[in-house]
Amino acid sequence: MKQQEIQNLLTNIEGFDWDRGNVIKNYEKHEVHYLECEEIFFNEPLYITPDEKHSHKEKRFRALGQTKAGRLLTVIFTLRKNLIRVVSARNMSFKERRLYNEQK
């Protein structure tokens, strides 16, 4: 799936679908607030790839982006109807930061 195809999937997004368990898990495990997850989808650059390794039951995607404060995050998400449902979020790994910087 090409970047343009993925970006086209996001054109009809109306918001986020938050699961209370994921909100708590992401904060307790990685200290990522759910609002930080949302921020990366509105900041440039945003780099999204399919997460085929974890797409068994539904298609998942990996988003690499940054918050308003400049924090570099990796957000794994799926699309449900016209909503982004965040599965997990954490700081980017070294390899992901390098990939993200190459996309700038």
N, C-alpha and C. Protein backbone atom coordinates (compact mmCIF):
# COMPACT_ATOMS: atom_id res chain seq x y z
N MET A 1 0.85 -1.17 0.00
CA MET A 1 0.00 0.00 0.00
C MET A 1 0.90 1.24 0.00
N LYS A 2 0.66 2.13 -0.94
CA LYS A 2 1.48 3.33 -1.07
C LYS A 2 1.00 4.43 -0.14
N GLN A 3 1.90 5.39 0.14
CA GLN A 3 1.56 6.50 1.02
C GLN A 3 0.29 7.22 0.56
N GLN A 4 0.16 7.43 -0.74
CA GLN A 4 -1.01 8.15 -1.25
C GLN A 4 -2.29 7.36 -0.98
N GLU A 5 -2.25 6.05 -1.14
CA GLU A 5 -3.42 5.22 -0.85
C GLU A 5 -3.80 5.31 0.63
N ILE A 6 -2.79 5.30 1.48
CA ILE A 6 -3.04 5.39 2.92
C ILE A 6 -3.61 6.77 3.26
N GLN A 7 -3.04 7.81 2.69
CA GLN A 7 -3.55 9.17 2.94
C GLN A 7 -5.00 9.29 2.48
N ASN A 8 -5.34 8.62 1.37
CA ASN A 8 -6.72 8.65 0.89
C ASN A 8 -7.68 8.01 1.89
N LEU A 9 -7.21 6.96 2.58
CA LEU A 9 -8.05 6.33 3.61
C LEU A 9 -8.39 7.31 4.72
N LEU A 10 -7.49 8.24 4.98
CA LEU A 10 -7.68 9.18 6.09
C LEU A 10 -8.53 10.39 5.73
N THR A 11 -8.87 10.55 4.46
CA THR A 11 -9.60 11.75 4.05
C THR A 11 -11.00 11.84 4.65
N ASN A 12 -11.61 10.72 4.95
CA ASN A 12 -12.98 10.73 5.49
C ASN A 12 -13.04 10.54 7.00
N ILE A 13 -11.91 10.64 7.65
CA ILE A 13 -11.86 10.44 9.10
C ILE A 13 -12.58 11.59 9.80
N GLU A 14 -13.43 11.22 10.75
CA GLU A 14 -14.23 12.20 11.49
C GLU A 14 -13.77 12.38 12.92
N GLY A 15 -12.85 11.53 13.38
CA GLY A 15 -12.39 11.66 14.76
C GLY A 15 -11.73 10.39 15.24
N PHE A 16 -11.76 10.21 16.55
CA PHE A 16 -11.07 9.10 17.18
C PHE A 16 -12.06 8.27 17.99
N ASP A 17 -11.79 6.98 18.05
CA ASP A 17 -12.58 6.04 18.84
C ASP A 17 -11.66 5.51 19.92
N TRP A 18 -11.86 5.98 21.15
CA TRP A 18 -10.96 5.62 22.24
C TRP A 18 -11.54 4.53 23.11
N ASP A 19 -10.72 3.54 23.38
CA ASP A 19 -11.03 2.48 24.32
C ASP A 19 -10.36 2.85 25.64
N ARG A 20 -11.14 2.92 26.71
CA ARG A 20 -10.60 3.35 28.01
C ARG A 20 -9.39 2.52 28.42
N GLY A 21 -9.43 1.23 28.14
CA GLY A 21 -8.31 0.35 28.49
C GLY A 21 -7.03 0.74 27.77
N ASN A 22 -7.14 1.09 26.48
CA ASN A 22 -5.96 1.51 25.72
C ASN A 22 -5.43 2.86 26.18
N VAL A 23 -6.33 3.76 26.55
CA VAL A 23 -5.91 5.06 27.06
C VAL A 23 -5.04 4.86 28.31
N ILE A 24 -5.53 4.05 29.22
CA ILE A 24 -4.80 3.80 30.47
C ILE A 24 -3.50 3.05 30.20
N LYS A 25 -3.56 2.01 29.37
CA LYS A 25 -2.38 1.20 29.07
C LYS A 25 -1.27 2.03 28.44
N ASN A 26 -1.61 2.87 27.47
CA ASN A 26 -0.58 3.67 26.80
C ASN A 26 0.07 4.66 27.76
N TYR A 27 -0.72 5.19 28.69
CA TYR A 27 -0.15 6.14 29.63
C TYR A 27 0.70 5.42 30.68
N GLU A 28 0.19 4.34 31.23
CA GLU A 28 0.93 3.64 32.28
C GLU A 28 2.21 2.98 31.75
N LYS A 29 2.13 2.43 30.57
CA LYS A 29 3.27 1.70 30.01
C LYS A 29 4.30 2.60 29.34
N HIS A 30 3.81 3.64 28.62
CA HIS A 30 4.72 4.46 27.81
C HIS A 30 4.63 5.96 28.10
N GLU A 31 3.78 6.33 29.06
CA GLU A 31 3.58 7.74 29.41
C GLU A 31 3.17 8.59 28.21
N VAL A 32 2.31 8.01 27.38
CA VAL A 32 1.77 8.73 26.22
C VAL A 32 0.31 9.04 26.51
N HIS A 33 -0.02 10.32 26.55
CA HIS A 33 -1.39 10.77 26.77
C HIS A 33 -2.16 10.64 25.46
N TYR A 34 -3.43 10.31 25.57
CA TYR A 34 -4.22 10.09 24.34
C TYR A 34 -4.27 11.33 23.45
N LEU A 35 -4.22 12.51 24.02
CA LEU A 35 -4.23 13.73 23.19
C LEU A 35 -2.95 13.87 22.38
N GLU A 36 -1.83 13.37 22.92
CA GLU A 36 -0.59 13.38 22.15
C GLU A 36 -0.73 12.48 20.92
N CYS A 37 -1.40 11.34 21.09
CA CYS A 37 -1.63 10.44 19.96
C CYS A 37 -2.39 11.16 18.85
N GLU A 38 -3.42 11.88 19.24
CA GLU A 38 -4.24 12.59 18.25
C GLU A 38 -3.42 13.68 17.55
N GLU A 39 -2.57 14.37 18.28
CA GLU A 39 -1.79 15.48 17.72
C GLU A 39 -0.98 15.07 16.50
N ILE A 40 -0.40 13.87 16.52
CA ILE A 40 0.50 13.53 15.41
C ILE A 40 -0.24 13.47 14.08
N PHE A 41 -1.54 13.21 14.11
CA PHE A 41 -2.30 13.12 12.86
C PHE A 41 -2.57 14.50 12.25
N PHE A 42 -2.29 15.56 12.99
CA PHE A 42 -2.53 16.91 12.51
C PHE A 42 -1.23 17.68 12.26
N ASN A 43 -0.10 17.04 12.52
CA ASN A 43 1.20 17.69 12.33
C ASN A 43 1.95 17.03 11.18
N GLU A 44 2.75 17.82 10.53
CA GLU A 44 3.59 17.32 9.43
C GLU A 44 5.02 17.23 9.90
N PRO A 45 5.78 16.29 9.39
CA PRO A 45 5.33 15.22 8.51
C PRO A 45 4.68 14.10 9.30
N LEU A 46 3.84 13.38 8.61
CA LEU A 46 3.20 12.19 9.16
C LEU A 46 3.47 11.07 8.17
N TYR A 47 4.08 10.02 8.65
CA TYR A 47 4.45 8.89 7.80
C TYR A 47 3.68 7.67 8.28
N ILE A 48 2.89 7.07 7.38
CA ILE A 48 2.04 5.93 7.75
C ILE A 48 2.36 4.75 6.84
N THR A 49 2.49 3.58 7.47
CA THR A 49 2.71 2.34 6.72
C THR A 49 1.74 1.27 7.24
N PRO A 50 1.44 0.28 6.43
CA PRO A 50 0.63 -0.84 6.93
C PRO A 50 1.42 -1.59 7.99
N ASP A 51 0.75 -2.11 8.98
CA ASP A 51 1.36 -2.95 10.01
C ASP A 51 0.91 -4.37 9.73
N GLU A 52 1.47 -4.95 8.68
CA GLU A 52 1.02 -6.25 8.21
C GLU A 52 1.29 -7.36 9.21
N LYS A 53 2.32 -7.21 10.03
CA LYS A 53 2.66 -8.22 11.02
C LYS A 53 1.53 -8.42 12.03
N HIS A 54 0.76 -7.34 12.30
CA HIS A 54 -0.30 -7.40 13.31
C HIS A 54 -1.69 -7.21 12.72
N SER A 55 -1.84 -7.45 11.42
CA SER A 55 -3.12 -7.23 10.74
C SER A 55 -3.89 -8.52 10.51
N HIS A 56 -3.94 -9.37 11.50
CA HIS A 56 -4.60 -10.66 11.31
C HIS A 56 -6.12 -10.53 11.30
N LYS A 57 -6.68 -9.85 12.30
CA LYS A 57 -8.14 -9.73 12.40
C LYS A 57 -8.67 -8.50 11.67
N GLU A 58 -7.89 -7.43 11.67
CA GLU A 58 -8.27 -6.20 10.97
C GLU A 58 -7.00 -5.49 10.53
N LYS A 59 -7.12 -4.65 9.50
CA LYS A 59 -5.95 -3.94 9.01
C LYS A 59 -5.47 -2.95 10.07
N ARG A 60 -4.18 -3.00 10.33
CA ARG A 60 -3.57 -2.05 11.25
C ARG A 60 -2.51 -1.25 10.52
N PHE A 61 -2.27 -0.07 11.03
CA PHE A 61 -1.31 0.84 10.44
C PHE A 61 -0.36 1.36 11.51
N ARG A 62 0.83 1.76 11.08
CA ARG A 62 1.82 2.37 11.97
C ARG A 62 2.01 3.80 11.50
N ALA A 63 1.79 4.74 12.41
CA ALA A 63 1.99 6.15 12.12
C ALA A 63 3.21 6.65 12.87
N LEU A 64 4.09 7.33 12.15
CA LEU A 64 5.23 7.99 12.75
C LEU A 64 4.99 9.48 12.63
N GLY A 65 4.99 10.17 13.77
CA GLY A 65 4.72 11.60 13.74
C GLY A 65 5.20 12.27 15.00
N GLN A 66 4.94 13.58 15.06
CA GLN A 66 5.39 14.31 16.23
C GLN A 66 4.28 15.17 16.81
N THR A 67 4.37 15.35 18.13
CA THR A 67 3.39 16.16 18.84
C THR A 67 3.74 17.63 18.68
N LYS A 68 2.87 18.50 19.17
CA LYS A 68 3.15 19.94 19.13
C LYS A 68 4.43 20.27 19.88
N ALA A 69 4.72 19.50 20.93
CA ALA A 69 5.93 19.73 21.73
C ALA A 69 7.17 19.09 21.10
N GLY A 70 7.00 18.40 19.97
CA GLY A 70 8.13 17.80 19.27
C GLY A 70 8.45 16.38 19.68
N ARG A 71 7.62 15.76 20.49
CA ARG A 71 7.83 14.37 20.89
C ARG A 71 7.55 13.45 19.70
N LEU A 72 8.49 12.57 19.40
CA LEU A 72 8.35 11.65 18.27
C LEU A 72 7.68 10.37 18.73
N LEU A 73 6.52 10.07 18.14
CA LEU A 73 5.72 8.93 18.56
C LEU A 73 5.47 7.95 17.43
N THR A 74 5.35 6.69 17.81
CA THR A 74 4.86 5.64 16.95
C THR A 74 3.48 5.27 17.47
N VAL A 75 2.49 5.35 16.60
CA VAL A 75 1.12 5.04 16.98
C VAL A 75 0.60 3.92 16.07
N ILE A 76 0.20 2.83 16.68
CA ILE A 76 -0.42 1.73 15.93
C ILE A 76 -1.93 1.94 16.02
N PHE A 77 -2.59 1.89 14.86
CA PHE A 77 -4.02 2.17 14.85
C PHE A 77 -4.73 1.35 13.78
N THR A 78 -6.04 1.33 13.91
CA THR A 78 -6.89 0.71 12.91
C THR A 78 -7.99 1.72 12.57
N LEU A 79 -8.69 1.48 11.49
CA LEU A 79 -9.79 2.35 11.09
C LEU A 79 -11.10 1.61 11.30
N ARG A 80 -12.02 2.24 12.01
CA ARG A 80 -13.34 1.67 12.21
C ARG A 80 -14.36 2.71 11.78
N LYS A 81 -15.04 2.36 10.71
CA LYS A 81 -15.94 3.31 10.04
C LYS A 81 -15.11 4.53 9.70
N ASN A 82 -15.48 5.70 10.18
CA ASN A 82 -14.72 6.92 9.88
C ASN A 82 -13.95 7.42 11.09
N LEU A 83 -13.48 6.47 11.90
CA LEU A 83 -12.77 6.84 13.12
C LEU A 83 -11.42 6.13 13.20
N ILE A 84 -10.45 6.81 13.77
CA ILE A 84 -9.15 6.21 14.06
C ILE A 84 -9.23 5.61 15.45
N ARG A 85 -8.90 4.34 15.56
CA ARG A 85 -8.88 3.67 16.87
C ARG A 85 -7.43 3.32 17.18
N VAL A 86 -6.87 4.01 18.16
CA VAL A 86 -5.48 3.79 18.54
C VAL A 86 -5.38 2.50 19.34
N VAL A 87 -4.46 1.63 18.93
CA VAL A 87 -4.22 0.37 19.61
C VAL A 87 -3.09 0.55 20.63
N SER A 88 -2.00 1.21 20.20
CA SER A 88 -0.89 1.46 21.11
C SER A 88 -0.10 2.68 20.64
N ALA A 89 0.64 3.25 21.58
CA ALA A 89 1.47 4.41 21.28
C ALA A 89 2.69 4.38 22.18
N ARG A 90 3.83 4.79 21.61
CA ARG A 90 5.08 4.82 22.36
C ARG A 90 6.05 5.77 21.66
N ASN A 91 7.17 6.04 22.32
CA ASN A 91 8.22 6.82 21.68
C ASN A 91 8.79 6.03 20.51
N MET A 92 9.19 6.72 19.47
CA MET A 92 9.81 6.05 18.32
C MET A 92 11.12 5.40 18.75
N SER A 93 11.39 4.26 18.14
CA SER A 93 12.69 3.60 18.32
C SER A 93 13.73 4.36 17.49
N PHE A 94 14.99 4.04 17.70
CA PHE A 94 16.06 4.66 16.91
C PHE A 94 15.83 4.44 15.42
N LYS A 95 15.51 3.20 15.05
CA LYS A 95 15.29 2.86 13.64
C LYS A 95 14.11 3.65 13.07
N GLU A 96 13.04 3.78 13.85
CA GLU A 96 11.86 4.54 13.39
C GLU A 96 12.19 6.03 13.25
N ARG A 97 12.97 6.58 14.17
CA ARG A 97 13.37 7.99 14.06
C ARG A 97 14.16 8.24 12.79
N ARG A 98 15.06 7.31 12.48
CA ARG A 98 15.86 7.44 11.26
C ARG A 98 14.95 7.41 10.03
N LEU A 99 14.01 6.46 9.98
CA LEU A 99 13.05 6.37 8.88
C LEU A 99 12.23 7.63 8.77
N TYR A 100 11.74 8.12 9.92
CA TYR A 100 10.92 9.32 9.94
C TYR A 100 11.70 10.53 9.40
N ASN A 101 12.94 10.67 9.83
CA ASN A 101 13.76 11.80 9.37
C ASN A 101 14.08 11.71 7.89
N GLU A 102 14.19 10.50 7.36
CA GLU A 102 14.40 10.33 5.93
C GLU A 102 13.20 10.78 5.11
N GLN A 103 12.01 10.72 5.71
CA GLN A 103 10.78 11.08 4.99
C GLN A 103 10.54 12.59 4.96
N LYS A 104 11.23 13.32 5.80
CA LYS A 104 11.02 14.78 5.88
C LYS A 104 11.38 15.47 4.59
